[in-house]
Amino acid sequence: MEILQTRILLRHTQGATIAYFYNRESFDLLNIDRQTYDNSQFVEIGQNIEYNGVQYVVRNINIKLEEKTFQMNNEYGVNLYSPTDASDFNLKIGVFVDSL
């Protein structure tokens, strides 16, 4: 049974890709408050988030289960949209935002 391996896409509703997040530490770059009872974080429609000093409002969220696991490696370059090294994924969570 294949384990889900996730990446989060942060994209502006007008089409610009803002960032990809591949691990817990990179997700912290969104400056989302943690829950007091279990230290978890939520991303919800209508929520204000911040990335790289710019504030956004979340307009939509979707989940895409890929047909296969994409093997990500940096042999031929670096993913400039990623604040961390890319890792393999088979599930993509899209977070679509507007600027505030």
PDB file of N, CA and C in Angstrom:
ATOM      1  N   MET A   1       0.841  -1.171   0.000  1.00  0.00           N
ATOM      2  CA  MET A   1       0.000   0.000   0.000  1.00  0.00           C
ATOM      3  C   MET A   1       0.885   1.233   0.000  1.00  0.00           C
ATOM      4  N   GLU A   2       0.598   2.160  -0.917  1.00  0.00           N
ATOM      5  CA  GLU A   2       1.414   3.368  -1.061  1.00  0.00           C
ATOM      6  C   GLU A   2       1.039   4.418  -0.011  1.00  0.00           C
ATOM      7  N   ILE A   3       2.032   4.961   0.660  1.00  0.00           N
ATOM      8  CA  ILE A   3       1.830   6.011   1.663  1.00  0.00           C
ATOM      9  C   ILE A   3       1.680   7.351   0.952  1.00  0.00           C
ATOM     10  N   LEU A   4       0.794   8.201   1.463  1.00  0.00           N
ATOM     11  CA  LEU A   4       0.620   9.534   0.885  1.00  0.00           C
ATOM     12  C   LEU A   4       1.835  10.396   1.195  1.00  0.00           C
ATOM     13  N   GLN A   5       2.346  11.049   0.161  1.00  0.00           N
ATOM     14  CA  GLN A   5       3.465  11.974   0.272  1.00  0.00           C
ATOM     15  C   GLN A   5       2.996  13.297  -0.321  1.00  0.00           C
ATOM     16  N   THR A   6       2.962  14.325   0.496  1.00  0.00           N
ATOM     17  CA  THR A   6       2.252  15.548   0.145  1.00  0.00           C
ATOM     18  C   THR A   6       3.182  16.715  -0.149  1.00  0.00           C
ATOM     19  N   ARG A   7       2.727  17.560  -1.072  1.00  0.00           N
ATOM     20  CA  ARG A   7       3.302  18.889  -1.206  1.00  0.00           C
ATOM     21  C   ARG A   7       2.139  19.869  -1.225  1.00  0.00           C
ATOM     22  N   ILE A   8       2.382  21.059  -0.730  1.00  0.00           N
ATOM     23  CA  ILE A   8       1.358  22.104  -0.682  1.00  0.00           C
ATOM     24  C   ILE A   8       1.752  23.182  -1.684  1.00  0.00           C
ATOM     25  N   LEU A   9       0.824  23.510  -2.558  1.00  0.00           N
ATOM     26  CA  LEU A   9       1.009  24.567  -3.540  1.00  0.00           C
ATOM     27  C   LEU A   9       0.296  25.810  -3.039  1.00  0.00           C
ATOM     28  N   LEU A  10       1.004  26.918  -2.949  1.00  0.00           N
ATOM     29  CA  LEU A  10       0.404  28.208  -2.628  1.00  0.00           C
ATOM     30  C   LEU A  10       0.383  29.018  -3.915  1.00  0.00           C
ATOM     31  N   ARG A  11      -0.830  29.305  -4.409  1.00  0.00           N
ATOM     32  CA  ARG A  11      -0.975  29.968  -5.704  1.00  0.00           C
ATOM     33  C   ARG A  11      -1.971  31.114  -5.598  1.00  0.00           C
ATOM     34  N   HIS A  12      -1.653  32.206  -6.266  1.00  0.00           N
ATOM     35  CA  HIS A  12      -2.560  33.352  -6.328  1.00  0.00           C
ATOM     36  C   HIS A  12      -3.722  33.001  -7.253  1.00  0.00           C
ATOM     37  N   THR A  13      -4.913  33.514  -6.957  1.00  0.00           N
ATOM     38  CA  THR A  13      -6.082  33.200  -7.785  1.00  0.00           C
ATOM     39  C   THR A  13      -5.929  33.711  -9.216  1.00  0.00           C
ATOM     40  N   GLN A  14      -5.025  34.662  -9.432  1.00  0.00           N
ATOM     41  CA  GLN A  14      -4.778  35.162 -10.789  1.00  0.00           C
ATOM     42  C   GLN A  14      -3.734  34.331 -11.528  1.00  0.00           C
ATOM     43  N   GLY A  15      -3.265  33.237 -10.896  1.00  0.00           N
ATOM     44  CA  GLY A  15      -2.437  32.271 -11.597  1.00  0.00           C
ATOM     45  C   GLY A  15      -0.977  32.189 -11.191  1.00  0.00           C
ATOM     46  N   ALA A  16      -0.450  33.155 -10.480  1.00  0.00           N
ATOM     47  CA  ALA A  16       0.969  33.133 -10.126  1.00  0.00           C
ATOM     48  C   ALA A  16       1.246  32.105  -9.028  1.00  0.00           C
ATOM     49  N   THR A  17       2.236  31.257  -9.250  1.00  0.00           N
ATOM     50  CA  THR A  17       2.669  30.334  -8.208  1.00  0.00           C
ATOM     51  C   THR A  17       3.513  31.111  -7.214  1.00  0.00           C
ATOM     52  N   ILE A  18       3.144  31.013  -5.935  1.00  0.00           N
ATOM     53  CA  ILE A  18       3.859  31.733  -4.887  1.00  0.00           C
ATOM     54  C   ILE A  18       4.917  30.844  -4.262  1.00  0.00           C
ATOM     55  N   ALA A  19       4.568  29.603  -3.917  1.00  0.00           N
ATOM     56  CA  ALA A  19       5.535  28.704  -3.277  1.00  0.00           C
ATOM     57  C   ALA A  19       5.001  27.280  -3.269  1.00  0.00           C
ATOM     58  N   TYR A  20       5.921  26.328  -3.102  1.00  0.00           N
ATOM     59  CA  TYR A  20       5.609  24.937  -2.801  1.00  0.00           C
ATOM     60  C   TYR A  20       6.184  24.637  -1.425  1.00  0.00           C
ATOM     61  N   PHE A  21       5.446  23.892  -0.610  1.00  0.00           N
ATOM     62  CA  PHE A  21       5.909  23.495   0.711  1.00  0.00           C
ATOM     63  C   PHE A  21       5.950  21.975   0.770  1.00  0.00           C
ATOM     64  N   TYR A  22       7.085  21.432   1.210  1.00  0.00           N
ATOM     65  CA  TYR A  22       7.297  19.995   1.206  1.00  0.00           C
ATOM     66  C   TYR A  22       7.457  19.383   2.580  1.00  0.00           C
ATOM     67  N   ASN A  23       7.616  20.202   3.612  1.00  0.00           N
ATOM     68  CA  ASN A  23       7.832  19.636   4.940  1.00  0.00           C
ATOM     69  C   ASN A  23       7.275  20.560   6.008  1.00  0.00           C
ATOM     70  N   ARG A  24       7.258  20.080   7.214  1.00  0.00           N
ATOM     71  CA  ARG A  24       6.677  20.800   8.349  1.00  0.00           C
ATOM     72  C   ARG A  24       7.340  22.156   8.577  1.00  0.00           C
ATOM     73  N   GLU A  25       8.652  22.205   8.492  1.00  0.00           N
ATOM     74  CA  GLU A  25       9.377  23.442   8.738  1.00  0.00           C
ATOM     75  C   GLU A  25       9.031  24.517   7.708  1.00  0.00           C
ATOM     76  N   SER A  26       8.882  24.131   6.452  1.00  0.00           N
ATOM     77  CA  SER A  26       8.544  25.128   5.429  1.00  0.00           C
ATOM     78  C   SER A  26       7.115  25.633   5.610  1.00  0.00           C
ATOM     79  N   PHE A  27       6.208  24.782   6.074  1.00  0.00           N
ATOM     80  CA  PHE A  27       4.827  25.198   6.331  1.00  0.00           C
ATOM     81  C   PHE A  27       4.773  26.300   7.387  1.00  0.00           C
ATOM     82  N   ASP A  28       5.714  26.266   8.326  1.00  0.00           N
ATOM     83  CA  ASP A  28       5.774  27.298   9.364  1.00  0.00           C
ATOM     84  C   ASP A  28       6.039  28.693   8.789  1.00  0.00           C
ATOM     85  N   LEU A  29       6.532  28.775   7.555  1.00  0.00           N
ATOM     86  CA  LEU A  29       6.775  30.075   6.922  1.00  0.00           C
ATOM     87  C   LEU A  29       5.486  30.847   6.657  1.00  0.00           C
ATOM     88  N   LEU A  30       4.327  30.192   6.763  1.00  0.00           N
ATOM     89  CA  LEU A  30       3.041  30.866   6.543  1.00  0.00           C
ATOM     90  C   LEU A  30       2.567  31.651   7.765  1.00  0.00           C
ATOM     91  N   ASN A  31       3.290  31.543   8.873  1.00  0.00           N
ATOM     92  CA  ASN A  31       2.952  32.285  10.097  1.00  0.00           C
ATOM     93  C   ASN A  31       1.509  32.062  10.538  1.00  0.00           C
ATOM     94  N   ILE A  32       1.110  30.795  10.589  1.00  0.00           N
ATOM     95  CA  ILE A  32      -0.246  30.438  11.016  1.00  0.00           C
ATOM     96  C   ILE A  32      -0.203  30.091  12.498  1.00  0.00           C
ATOM     97  N   ASP A  33      -1.125  30.656  13.255  1.00  0.00           N
ATOM     98  CA  ASP A  33      -1.183  30.391  14.692  1.00  0.00           C
ATOM     99  C   ASP A  33      -1.383  28.898  14.951  1.00  0.00           C
ATOM    100  N   ARG A  34      -0.784  28.436  16.042  1.00  0.00           N
ATOM    101  CA  ARG A  34      -0.947  27.046  16.475  1.00  0.00           C
ATOM    102  C   ARG A  34      -2.083  26.946  17.485  1.00  0.00           C
ATOM    103  N   GLN A  35      -2.771  25.812  17.467  1.00  0.00           N
ATOM    104  CA  GLN A  35      -3.831  25.543  18.424  1.00  0.00           C
ATOM    105  C   GLN A  35      -3.218  25.292  19.802  1.00  0.00           C
ATOM    106  N   THR A  36      -3.857  25.806  20.838  1.00  0.00           N
ATOM    107  CA  THR A  36      -3.300  25.666  22.186  1.00  0.00           C
ATOM    108  C   THR A  36      -3.417  24.233  22.710  1.00  0.00           C
ATOM    109  N   TYR A  37      -4.427  23.476  22.272  1.00  0.00           N
ATOM    110  CA  TYR A  37      -4.654  22.151  22.835  1.00  0.00           C
ATOM    111  C   TYR A  37      -3.745  21.070  22.283  1.00  0.00           C
ATOM    112  N   ASP A  38      -3.246  21.226  21.036  1.00  0.00           N
ATOM    113  CA  ASP A  38      -2.380  20.174  20.484  1.00  0.00           C
ATOM    114  C   ASP A  38      -1.274  20.704  19.580  1.00  0.00           C
ATOM    115  N   ASN A  39      -1.104  22.016  19.531  1.00  0.00           N
ATOM    116  CA  ASN A  39      -0.033  22.660  18.760  1.00  0.00           C
ATOM    117  C   ASN A  39      -0.178  22.456  17.250  1.00  0.00           C
ATOM    118  N   SER A  40      -1.370  22.075  16.779  1.00  0.00           N
ATOM    119  CA  SER A  40      -1.605  21.884  15.345  1.00  0.00           C
ATOM    120  C   SER A  40      -1.926  23.223  14.682  1.00  0.00           C
ATOM    121  N   GLN A  41      -1.977  23.192  13.350  1.00  0.00           N
ATOM    122  CA  GLN A  41      -2.310  24.382  12.577  1.00  0.00           C
ATOM    123  C   GLN A  41      -3.367  24.033  11.534  1.00  0.00           C
ATOM    124  N   PHE A  42      -4.231  24.982  11.231  1.00  0.00           N
ATOM    125  CA  PHE A  42      -5.275  24.817  10.225  1.00  0.00           C
ATOM    126  C   PHE A  42      -5.111  25.864   9.135  1.00  0.00           C
ATOM    127  N   VAL A  43      -5.482  25.490   7.913  1.00  0.00           N
ATOM    128  CA  VAL A  43      -5.643  26.441   6.822  1.00  0.00           C
ATOM    129  C   VAL A  43      -7.089  26.322   6.386  1.00  0.00           C
ATOM    130  N   GLU A  44      -7.823  27.439   6.404  1.00  0.00           N
ATOM    131  CA  GLU A  44      -9.248  27.426   6.103  1.00  0.00           C
ATOM    132  C   GLU A  44      -9.597  28.554   5.142  1.00  0.00           C
ATOM    133  N   ILE A  45     -10.644  28.344   4.362  1.00  0.00           N
ATOM    134  CA  ILE A  45     -11.129  29.377   3.457  1.00  0.00           C
ATOM    135  C   ILE A  45     -11.549  30.587   4.284  1.00  0.00           C
ATOM    136  N   GLY A  46     -11.129  31.760   3.827  1.00  0.00           N
ATOM    137  CA  GLY A  46     -11.430  33.013   4.523  1.00  0.00           C
ATOM    138  C   GLY A  46     -10.357  33.431   5.507  1.00  0.00           C
ATOM    139  N   GLN A  47      -9.416  32.545   5.786  1.00  0.00           N
ATOM    140  CA  GLN A  47      -8.344  32.826   6.745  1.00  0.00           C
ATOM    141  C   GLN A  47      -7.290  33.735   6.123  1.00  0.00           C
ATOM    142  N   ASN A  48      -6.732  34.628   6.927  1.00  0.00           N
ATOM    143  CA  ASN A  48      -5.607  35.449   6.498  1.00  0.00           C
ATOM    144  C   ASN A  48      -4.320  34.717   6.835  1.00  0.00           C
ATOM    145  N   ILE A  49      -3.408  34.652   5.858  1.00  0.00           N
ATOM    146  CA  ILE A  49      -2.090  34.059   6.074  1.00  0.00           C
ATOM    147  C   ILE A  49      -1.042  35.041   5.575  1.00  0.00           C
ATOM    148  N   GLU A  50       0.186  34.787   5.940  1.00  0.00           N
ATOM    149  CA  GLU A  50       1.286  35.646   5.506  1.00  0.00           C
ATOM    150  C   GLU A  50       2.422  34.769   5.017  1.00  0.00           C
ATOM    151  N   TYR A  51       3.027  35.155   3.905  1.00  0.00           N
ATOM    152  CA  TYR A  51       4.198  34.452   3.407  1.00  0.00           C
ATOM    153  C   TYR A  51       5.168  35.478   2.841  1.00  0.00           C
ATOM    154  N   ASN A  52       6.409  35.404   3.276  1.00  0.00           N
ATOM    155  CA  ASN A  52       7.464  36.266   2.756  1.00  0.00           C
ATOM    156  C   ASN A  52       7.116  37.746   2.890  1.00  0.00           C
ATOM    157  N   GLY A  53       6.458  38.103   4.001  1.00  0.00           N
ATOM    158  CA  GLY A  53       6.123  39.490   4.280  1.00  0.00           C
ATOM    159  C   GLY A  53       4.887  40.015   3.565  1.00  0.00           C
ATOM    160  N   VAL A  54       4.201  39.165   2.797  1.00  0.00           N
ATOM    161  CA  VAL A  54       2.987  39.576   2.074  1.00  0.00           C
ATOM    162  C   VAL A  54       1.797  38.873   2.699  1.00  0.00           C
ATOM    163  N   GLN A  55       0.702  39.613   2.901  1.00  0.00           N
ATOM    164  CA  GLN A  55      -0.495  39.021   3.483  1.00  0.00           C
ATOM    165  C   GLN A  55      -1.479  38.621   2.385  1.00  0.00           C
ATOM    166  N   TYR A  56      -2.125  37.471   2.626  1.00  0.00           N
ATOM    167  CA  TYR A  56      -3.085  36.909   1.679  1.00  0.00           C
ATOM    168  C   TYR A  56      -4.332  36.455   2.430  1.00  0.00           C
ATOM    169  N   VAL A  57      -5.426  36.307   1.693  1.00  0.00           N
ATOM    170  CA  VAL A  57      -6.627  35.677   2.229  1.00  0.00           C
ATOM    171  C   VAL A  57      -6.866  34.401   1.424  1.00  0.00           C
ATOM    172  N   VAL A  58      -7.154  33.297   2.107  1.00  0.00           N
ATOM    173  CA  VAL A  58      -7.381  32.002   1.453  1.00  0.00           C
ATOM    174  C   VAL A  58      -8.767  32.018   0.813  1.00  0.00           C
ATOM    175  N   ARG A  59      -8.831  31.771  -0.482  1.00  0.00           N
ATOM    176  CA  ARG A  59     -10.102  31.768  -1.222  1.00  0.00           C
ATOM    177  C   ARG A  59     -10.612  30.367  -1.521  1.00  0.00           C
ATOM    178  N   ASN A  60      -9.695  29.417  -1.709  1.00  0.00           N
ATOM    179  CA  ASN A  60     -10.113  28.066  -2.056  1.00  0.00           C
ATOM    180  C   ASN A  60      -9.000  27.085  -1.694  1.00  0.00           C
ATOM    181  N   ILE A  61      -9.386  25.846  -1.441  1.00  0.00           N
ATOM    182  CA  ILE A  61      -8.430  24.780  -1.145  1.00  0.00           C
ATOM    183  C   ILE A  61      -8.895  23.537  -1.898  1.00  0.00           C
ATOM    184  N   ASN A  62      -7.959  22.836  -2.540  1.00  0.00           N
ATOM    185  CA  ASN A  62      -8.339  21.570  -3.157  1.00  0.00           C
ATOM    186  C   ASN A  62      -7.251  20.528  -2.929  1.00  0.00           C
ATOM    187  N   ILE A  63      -7.620  19.290  -3.112  1.00  0.00           N
ATOM    188  CA  ILE A  63      -6.702  18.169  -2.935  1.00  0.00           C
ATOM    189  C   ILE A  63      -6.673  17.375  -4.238  1.00  0.00           C
ATOM    190  N   LYS A  64      -5.474  17.110  -4.724  1.00  0.00           N
ATOM    191  CA  LYS A  64      -5.306  16.345  -5.958  1.00  0.00           C
ATOM    192  C   LYS A  64      -4.464  15.113  -5.661  1.00  0.00           C
ATOM    193  N   LEU A  65      -5.049  13.944  -5.861  1.00  0.00           N
ATOM    194  CA  LEU A  65      -4.322  12.686  -5.708  1.00  0.00           C
ATOM    195  C   LEU A  65      -3.772  12.303  -7.076  1.00  0.00           C
ATOM    196  N   GLU A  66      -2.461  12.286  -7.195  1.00  0.00           N
ATOM    197  CA  GLU A  66      -1.815  11.985  -8.472  1.00  0.00           C
ATOM    198  C   GLU A  66      -1.902  10.494  -8.787  1.00  0.00           C
ATOM    199  N   GLU A  67      -1.804  10.150 -10.050  1.00  0.00           N
ATOM    200  CA  GLU A  67      -1.863   8.761 -10.484  1.00  0.00           C
ATOM    201  C   GLU A  67      -0.646   7.969 -10.025  1.00  0.00           C
ATOM    202  N   LYS A  68       0.487   8.656  -9.902  1.00  0.00           N
ATOM    203  CA  LYS A  68       1.735   8.004  -9.505  1.00  0.00           C
ATOM    204  C   LYS A  68       2.525   8.963  -8.627  1.00  0.00           C
ATOM    205  N   THR A  69       3.543   8.450  -7.991  1.00  0.00           N
ATOM    206  CA  THR A  69       4.437   9.286  -7.192  1.00  0.00           C
ATOM    207  C   THR A  69       5.442   9.965  -8.113  1.00  0.00           C
ATOM    208  N   PHE A  70       5.509  11.289  -8.042  1.00  0.00           N
ATOM    209  CA  PHE A  70       6.477  12.039  -8.832  1.00  0.00           C
ATOM    210  C   PHE A  70       7.809  12.045  -8.101  1.00  0.00           C
ATOM    211  N   GLN A  71       8.854  11.604  -8.782  1.00  0.00           N
ATOM    212  CA  GLN A  71      10.191  11.567  -8.208  1.00  0.00           C
ATOM    213  C   GLN A  71      10.831  12.937  -8.408  1.00  0.00           C
ATOM    214  N   MET A  72      11.025  13.656  -7.323  1.00  0.00           N
ATOM    215  CA  MET A  72      11.605  14.991  -7.397  1.00  0.00           C
ATOM    216  C   MET A  72      13.081  14.893  -7.042  1.00  0.00           C
ATOM    217  N   ASN A  73      13.915  15.389  -7.914  1.00  0.00           N
ATOM    218  CA  ASN A  73      15.341  15.478  -7.591  1.00  0.00           C
ATOM    219  C   ASN A  73      15.874  16.768  -8.185  1.00  0.00           C
ATOM    220  N   ASN A  74      16.981  17.196  -7.689  1.00  0.00           N
ATOM    221  CA  ASN A  74      17.555  18.469  -8.125  1.00  0.00           C
ATOM    222  C   ASN A  74      18.833  18.273  -8.922  1.00  0.00           C
ATOM    223  N   GLU A  75      18.910  17.182  -9.673  1.00  0.00           N
ATOM    224  CA  GLU A  75      20.114  16.931 -10.455  1.00  0.00           C
ATOM    225  C   GLU A  75      20.356  18.001 -11.507  1.00  0.00           C
ATOM    226  N   TYR A  76      19.278  18.544 -12.079  1.00  0.00           N
ATOM    227  CA  TYR A  76      19.427  19.459 -13.203  1.00  0.00           C
ATOM    228  C   TYR A  76      19.030  20.886 -12.871  1.00  0.00           C
ATOM    229  N   GLY A  77      18.928  21.226 -11.613  1.00  0.00           N
ATOM    230  CA  GLY A  77      18.565  22.585 -11.250  1.00  0.00           C
ATOM    231  C   GLY A  77      17.842  22.619  -9.921  1.00  0.00           C
ATOM    232  N   VAL A  78      17.370  23.780  -9.573  1.00  0.00           N
ATOM    233  CA  VAL A  78      16.733  23.997  -8.287  1.00  0.00           C
ATOM    234  C   VAL A  78      15.339  24.555  -8.524  1.00  0.00           C
ATOM    235  N   ASN A  79      14.364  24.095  -7.763  1.00  0.00           N
ATOM    236  CA  ASN A  79      13.009  24.613  -7.837  1.00  0.00           C
ATOM    237  C   ASN A  79      12.972  25.947  -7.104  1.00  0.00           C
ATOM    238  N   LEU A  80      12.900  27.050  -7.844  1.00  0.00           N
ATOM    239  CA  LEU A  80      12.959  28.376  -7.237  1.00  0.00           C
ATOM    240  C   LEU A  80      11.716  28.705  -6.425  1.00  0.00           C
ATOM    241  N   TYR A  81      10.626  27.985  -6.632  1.00  0.00           N
ATOM    242  CA  TYR A  81       9.406  28.244  -5.875  1.00  0.00           C
ATOM    243  C   TYR A  81       9.428  27.589  -4.500  1.00  0.00           C
ATOM    244  N   SER A  82      10.355  26.700  -4.269  1.00  0.00           N
ATOM    245  CA  SER A  82      10.366  25.940  -3.023  1.00  0.00           C
ATOM    246  C   SER A  82      11.306  26.558  -2.009  1.00  0.00           C
ATOM    247  N   PRO A  83      10.818  26.813  -0.789  1.00  0.00           N
ATOM    248  CA  PRO A  83      11.717  27.312   0.245  1.00  0.00           C
ATOM    249  C   PRO A  83      12.574  26.208   0.863  1.00  0.00           C
ATOM    250  N   THR A  84      12.342  24.969   0.458  1.00  0.00           N
ATOM    251  CA  THR A  84      13.122  23.828   0.948  1.00  0.00           C
ATOM    252  C   THR A  84      13.435  22.923  -0.228  1.00  0.00           C
ATOM    253  N   ASP A  85      14.260  21.924  -0.004  1.00  0.00           N
ATOM    254  CA  ASP A  85      14.530  20.948  -1.062  1.00  0.00           C
ATOM    255  C   ASP A  85      13.252  20.195  -1.402  1.00  0.00           C
ATOM    256  N   ALA A  86      13.074  19.927  -2.667  1.00  0.00           N
ATOM    257  CA  ALA A  86      11.883  19.192  -3.113  1.00  0.00           C
ATOM    258  C   ALA A  86      11.965  17.739  -2.679  1.00  0.00           C
ATOM    259  N   SER A  87      10.811  17.144  -2.433  1.00  0.00           N
ATOM    260  CA  SER A  87      10.753  15.719  -2.120  1.00  0.00           C
ATOM    261  C   SER A  87       9.664  15.075  -2.963  1.00  0.00           C
ATOM    262  N   ASP A  88       9.702  13.762  -3.058  1.00  0.00           N
ATOM    263  CA  ASP A  88       8.717  13.032  -3.855  1.00  0.00           C
ATOM    264  C   ASP A  88       7.311  13.313  -3.324  1.00  0.00           C
ATOM    265  N   PHE A  89       6.310  13.280  -4.229  1.00  0.00           N
ATOM    266  CA  PHE A  89       4.937  13.500  -3.787  1.00  0.00           C
ATOM    267  C   PHE A  89       3.970  12.759  -4.683  1.00  0.00           C
ATOM    268  N   ASN A  90       2.811  12.417  -4.120  1.00  0.00           N
ATOM    269  CA  ASN A  90       1.724  11.831  -4.888  1.00  0.00           C
ATOM    270  C   ASN A  90       0.386  12.473  -4.522  1.00  0.00           C
ATOM    271  N   LEU A  91       0.424  13.451  -3.646  1.00  0.00           N
ATOM    272  CA  LEU A  91      -0.767  14.181  -3.221  1.00  0.00           C
ATOM    273  C   LEU A  91      -0.413  15.655  -3.172  1.00  0.00           C
ATOM    274  N   LYS A  92      -1.228  16.484  -3.818  1.00  0.00           N
ATOM    275  CA  LYS A  92      -0.979  17.921  -3.820  1.00  0.00           C
ATOM    276  C   LYS A  92      -2.178  18.633  -3.210  1.00  0.00           C
ATOM    277  N   ILE A  93      -1.909  19.492  -2.238  1.00  0.00           N
ATOM    278  CA  ILE A  93      -2.942  20.343  -1.652  1.00  0.00           C
ATOM    279  C   ILE A  93      -2.736  21.736  -2.223  1.00  0.00           C
ATOM    280  N   GLY A  94      -3.732  22.225  -2.934  1.00  0.00           N
ATOM    281  CA  GLY A  94      -3.672  23.567  -3.507  1.00  0.00           C
ATOM    282  C   GLY A  94      -4.362  24.555  -2.585  1.00  0.00           C
ATOM    283  N   VAL A  95      -3.642  25.614  -2.234  1.00  0.00           N
ATOM    284  CA  VAL A  95      -4.198  26.704  -1.430  1.00  0.00           C
ATOM    285  C   VAL A  95      -4.171  27.937  -2.320  1.00  0.00           C
ATOM    286  N   PHE A  96      -5.360  28.444  -2.654  1.00  0.00           N
ATOM    287  CA  PHE A  96      -5.482  29.552  -3.594  1.00  0.00           C
ATOM    288  C   PHE A  96      -5.851  30.815  -2.841  1.00  0.00           C
ATOM    289  N   VAL A  97      -5.067  31.883  -3.069  1.00  0.00           N
ATOM    290  CA  VAL A  97      -5.177  33.081  -2.255  1.00  0.00           C
ATOM    291  C   VAL A  97      -5.304  34.337  -3.110  1.00  0.00           C
ATOM    292  N   ASP A  98      -5.815  35.397  -2.485  1.00  0.00           N
ATOM    293  CA  ASP A  98      -5.792  36.755  -3.040  1.00  0.00           C
ATOM    294  C   ASP A  98      -4.945  37.606  -2.126  1.00  0.00           C
ATOM    295  N   SER A  99      -4.333  38.625  -2.671  1.00  0.00           N
ATOM    296  CA  SER A  99      -3.556  39.574  -1.872  1.00  0.00           C
ATOM    297  C   SER A  99      -4.478  40.417  -1.025  1.00  0.00           C
ATOM    298  N   LEU A 100      -3.997  40.790   0.161  1.00  0.00           N
ATOM    299  CA  LEU A 100      -4.755  41.709   1.018  1.00  0.00           C
ATOM    300  C   LEU A 100      -4.262  43.122   0.823  1.00  0.00           C
TER     301      LEU A 100
END
